[in-house]
Amino acid sequence: MPSLAVLSVFVPTFLFVSLTPGMCMTLAMVLGMTQGVKRALWMMIGELLGVGLVAFAAGAGVAALMLKLPAMFAVFKWVGGAYLFYLGIQMWRSRGRMAIPDDLSDVAPTARKELAMQGFVTAVANPKGWAFFVALLPPFLDATRPFIGQLLVLIVMILAIEFCALMLYASGGKSLRHLLAKGGNVRLLNRVAGTLMLGVGLWLALG
């Protein structure tokens, strides 16, 4: 168990990191706009699993192994980025299952498994996420205390903070959807969400 002194610095540090706009938060906002907060929860489940895996790997030193296999990591990034880019184009053109139709009462929900996979891929293939955890997590681990216990406690706290940030962004996306829909700007809404998704895809592939 980390000391209270460590936690008093750890919590605000990772709260700031989680609230900073990035790929996962942008994806949460997009899905809040297009699918609603409840369905966005499935993306959050996948994203939190990915974040937990990355945090554990970084804390355990597995990140060094990935640095020895940059080609495999690059392929994973490009595949995930291309998929998100494709979704962004479909949404920008008001097509596909994630796009909002003119009749807002007839929104086609995206499969839960697909939403969860989007969140997982975005979290695991996010180089900035690896960089944050590799740089920030180890300093909070005390070598004089049991390692696994400390790491698990910190990961639980990371996931709790991350979930709160995801909910905040998804709720903001839902509010934006209602605001634009009142003016009949559904097409504009699709283009805003699609542009954000395109940006996430490019960021993931080229980051």
Protein backbone atom coordinates (compact mmCIF):
# COMPACT_ATOMS: atom_id res chain seq x y z
CA MET A 1 0.00 0.00 0.00
CA PRO A 2 1.50 3.40 -1.00
CA SER A 3 1.97 5.93 1.78
CA LEU A 4 -0.42 8.86 2.22
CA ALA A 5 2.35 11.24 1.21
CA VAL A 6 2.75 9.41 -2.10
CA LEU A 7 -1.00 9.31 -2.73
CA SER A 8 -1.34 13.03 -1.98
CA VAL A 9 0.92 13.73 -4.96
CA PHE A 10 -0.17 10.80 -7.13
CA VAL A 11 -3.90 11.62 -7.22
CA PRO A 12 -3.69 15.24 -8.45
CA THR A 13 -0.91 14.30 -10.90
CA PHE A 14 -2.94 11.59 -12.64
CA LEU A 15 -6.15 13.61 -12.36
CA PHE A 16 -4.45 16.32 -14.41
CA VAL A 17 -3.14 13.73 -16.91
CA SER A 18 -6.57 12.13 -17.32
CA LEU A 19 -8.40 15.43 -17.79
CA THR A 20 -5.94 16.57 -20.46
CA PRO A 21 -7.59 16.16 -23.91
CA GLY A 22 -6.24 13.14 -25.76
CA MET A 23 -7.30 10.23 -27.93
CA CYS A 24 -9.34 8.38 -25.31
CA MET A 25 -11.12 11.50 -24.08
CA THR A 26 -11.88 12.61 -27.64
CA LEU A 27 -13.29 9.17 -28.40
CA ALA A 28 -15.47 9.38 -25.28
CA MET A 29 -16.79 12.77 -26.42
CA VAL A 30 -17.51 11.47 -29.94
CA LEU A 31 -19.42 8.47 -28.62
CA GLY A 32 -21.28 10.63 -26.13
CA MET A 33 -22.42 12.68 -29.12
CA THR A 34 -23.27 9.80 -31.43
CA GLN A 35 -24.24 6.91 -29.16
CA GLY A 36 -25.12 8.50 -25.84
CA VAL A 37 -23.42 8.12 -22.47
CA LYS A 38 -24.92 4.69 -21.67
CA ARG A 39 -23.60 3.05 -24.83
CA ALA A 40 -20.30 4.92 -24.49
CA LEU A 41 -19.84 2.97 -21.26
CA TRP A 42 -18.96 -0.08 -23.35
CA MET A 43 -16.11 1.85 -24.96
CA MET A 44 -15.03 2.91 -21.48
CA ILE A 45 -14.89 -0.73 -20.34
CA GLY A 46 -12.50 -1.55 -23.19
CA GLU A 47 -10.51 1.63 -22.63
CA LEU A 48 -10.13 0.96 -18.91
CA LEU A 49 -8.98 -2.61 -19.58
CA GLY A 50 -6.40 -1.20 -22.00
CA VAL A 51 -5.26 1.48 -19.57
CA GLY A 52 -4.96 -1.09 -16.78
CA LEU A 53 -2.89 -3.34 -19.03
CA VAL A 54 -0.61 -0.48 -20.11
CA ALA A 55 -0.17 0.74 -16.53
CA PHE A 56 0.69 -2.74 -15.28
CA ALA A 57 3.10 -3.35 -18.16
CA ALA A 58 4.79 0.01 -17.64
CA GLY A 59 5.07 -0.51 -13.91
CA ALA A 60 6.43 -4.03 -14.38
CA GLY A 61 8.97 -2.94 -16.99
CA VAL A 62 7.39 -4.68 -20.00
CA ALA A 63 7.46 -1.38 -21.88
CA ALA A 64 11.18 -1.97 -22.46
CA LEU A 65 10.30 -5.12 -24.40
CA MET A 66 7.97 -3.20 -26.69
CA LEU A 67 10.78 -0.80 -27.47
CA LYS A 68 12.67 -3.79 -28.88
CA LEU A 69 9.73 -4.63 -31.18
CA PRO A 70 8.83 -1.25 -32.67
CA ALA A 71 7.63 -2.78 -35.96
CA MET A 72 4.89 -4.83 -34.24
CA PHE A 73 3.77 -1.83 -32.21
CA ALA A 74 3.75 0.35 -35.34
CA VAL A 75 1.52 -2.13 -37.21
CA PHE A 76 -0.94 -2.21 -34.32
CA LYS A 77 -1.03 1.59 -34.25
CA TRP A 78 -1.59 1.87 -38.00
CA VAL A 79 -4.38 -0.72 -38.08
CA GLY A 80 -6.18 0.91 -35.17
CA GLY A 81 -5.67 4.40 -36.60
CA ALA A 82 -6.92 3.36 -40.05
CA TYR A 83 -10.07 1.87 -38.54
CA LEU A 84 -10.86 5.01 -36.55
CA PHE A 85 -10.09 7.14 -39.62
CA TYR A 86 -12.56 5.07 -41.66
CA LEU A 87 -15.23 5.57 -39.01
CA GLY A 88 -14.54 9.31 -39.06
CA ILE A 89 -15.07 9.49 -42.84
CA GLN A 90 -18.34 7.57 -42.53
CA MET A 91 -19.57 9.88 -39.79
CA TRP A 92 -18.50 13.01 -41.68
CA ARG A 93 -20.59 11.79 -44.63
CA SER A 94 -23.50 11.00 -42.26
CA ARG A 95 -23.18 7.32 -43.07
CA GLY A 96 -22.42 4.21 -41.07
CA ARG A 97 -23.82 2.91 -37.81
CA MET A 98 -22.15 5.56 -35.65
CA ALA A 99 -23.55 8.51 -37.62
CA ILE A 100 -26.65 10.24 -36.27
CA PRO A 101 -29.61 10.15 -38.68
CA ASP A 102 -31.82 13.16 -39.32
CA ASP A 103 -34.45 11.49 -37.18
CA LEU A 104 -32.76 11.39 -33.78
CA SER A 105 -35.27 8.84 -32.54
CA ASP A 106 -33.83 6.33 -34.99
CA VAL A 107 -30.18 6.18 -33.96
CA ALA A 108 -28.64 2.81 -34.85
CA PRO A 109 -26.62 1.59 -31.85
CA THR A 110 -23.12 0.30 -32.45
CA ALA A 111 -22.45 -3.25 -31.21
CA ARG A 112 -21.17 -3.37 -27.63
CA LYS A 113 -18.23 -5.55 -28.63
CA GLU A 114 -17.21 -3.05 -31.31
CA LEU A 115 -17.38 -0.15 -28.88
CA ALA A 116 -15.32 -2.03 -26.30
CA MET A 117 -12.72 -2.95 -28.93
CA GLN A 118 -12.43 0.69 -30.04
CA GLY A 119 -11.70 1.72 -26.46
CA PHE A 120 -9.20 -1.08 -25.89
CA VAL A 121 -7.27 -0.48 -29.13
CA THR A 122 -7.16 3.27 -28.56
CA ALA A 123 -5.77 2.83 -25.04
CA VAL A 124 -3.20 0.12 -25.78
CA ALA A 125 -1.93 1.61 -29.04
CA ASN A 126 -1.62 5.13 -27.65
CA PRO A 127 2.11 5.97 -27.52
CA LYS A 128 1.46 9.00 -25.35
CA GLY A 129 -0.27 6.76 -22.82
CA TRP A 130 2.79 4.51 -22.66
CA ALA A 131 5.03 7.56 -22.33
CA PHE A 132 2.97 8.93 -19.42
CA PHE A 133 2.97 5.66 -17.52
CA VAL A 134 6.63 4.82 -18.17
CA ALA A 135 7.66 8.30 -17.02
CA LEU A 136 5.21 8.93 -14.19
CA LEU A 137 4.29 5.60 -12.61
CA PRO A 138 7.69 4.17 -11.48
CA PRO A 139 8.60 7.21 -9.33
CA PHE A 140 5.55 6.51 -7.16
CA LEU A 141 6.65 2.91 -6.44
CA ASP A 142 8.64 2.51 -3.22
CA ALA A 143 11.36 -0.16 -3.49
CA THR A 144 11.17 -0.79 0.26
CA ARG A 145 7.51 -1.85 0.10
CA PRO A 146 5.84 -4.91 -1.54
CA PHE A 147 5.84 -4.14 -5.27
CA ILE A 148 2.67 -5.86 -6.51
CA GLY A 149 0.50 -4.46 -3.73
CA GLN A 150 1.62 -0.90 -4.44
CA LEU A 151 1.18 -1.28 -8.20
CA LEU A 152 -2.32 -2.74 -7.93
CA VAL A 153 -3.49 0.02 -5.58
CA LEU A 154 -2.13 2.71 -7.92
CA ILE A 155 -3.74 1.06 -10.96
CA VAL A 156 -7.13 0.91 -9.22
CA MET A 157 -6.83 4.62 -8.46
CA ILE A 158 -5.76 5.36 -12.05
CA LEU A 159 -8.81 3.52 -13.40
CA ALA A 160 -11.16 5.35 -11.02
CA ILE A 161 -9.74 8.73 -12.07
CA GLU A 162 -9.81 7.75 -15.75
CA PHE A 163 -13.43 6.63 -15.54
CA CYS A 164 -14.50 9.95 -14.02
CA ALA A 165 -12.70 11.84 -16.80
CA LEU A 166 -14.28 9.65 -19.50
CA MET A 167 -17.75 10.24 -18.06
CA LEU A 168 -17.11 13.98 -18.01
CA TYR A 169 -16.12 14.03 -21.69
CA ALA A 170 -18.94 11.69 -22.76
CA SER A 171 -21.49 13.82 -20.91
CA GLY A 172 -20.09 16.90 -22.64
CA GLY A 173 -20.53 15.19 -26.00
CA LYS A 174 -24.14 14.33 -25.18
CA SER A 175 -24.84 17.94 -24.21
CA LEU A 176 -23.33 19.14 -27.49
CA ARG A 177 -25.53 16.70 -29.37
CA HIS A 178 -28.69 18.08 -27.75
CA LEU A 179 -27.56 21.65 -28.38
CA LEU A 180 -26.96 21.11 -32.10
CA ALA A 181 -30.00 18.88 -32.58
CA LYS A 182 -32.32 21.61 -31.32
CA GLY A 183 -31.32 23.75 -34.26
CA GLY A 184 -31.70 20.91 -36.73
CA ASN A 185 -27.94 20.77 -37.27
CA VAL A 186 -27.62 16.99 -37.26
CA ARG A 187 -25.41 17.03 -40.34
CA LEU A 188 -23.11 19.53 -38.64
CA LEU A 189 -23.06 17.29 -35.57
CA ASN A 190 -21.98 14.32 -37.67
CA ARG A 191 -19.22 16.39 -39.25
CA VAL A 192 -17.96 17.65 -35.89
CA ALA A 193 -17.92 14.12 -34.49
CA GLY A 194 -16.41 12.74 -37.71
CA THR A 195 -13.67 15.36 -37.71
CA LEU A 196 -12.79 14.51 -34.12
CA MET A 197 -12.69 10.81 -35.01
CA LEU A 198 -10.47 11.53 -38.04
CA GLY A 199 -8.13 13.41 -35.73
CA VAL A 200 -8.03 10.52 -33.28
CA GLY A 201 -7.24 8.10 -36.11
CA LEU A 202 -4.41 10.26 -37.46
CA TRP A 203 -3.05 10.87 -33.99
CA LEU A 204 -3.06 7.16 -33.25
CA ALA A 205 -1.37 6.21 -36.54
CA LEU A 206 1.21 8.99 -36.65
CA GLY A 207 1.77 9.70 -32.96
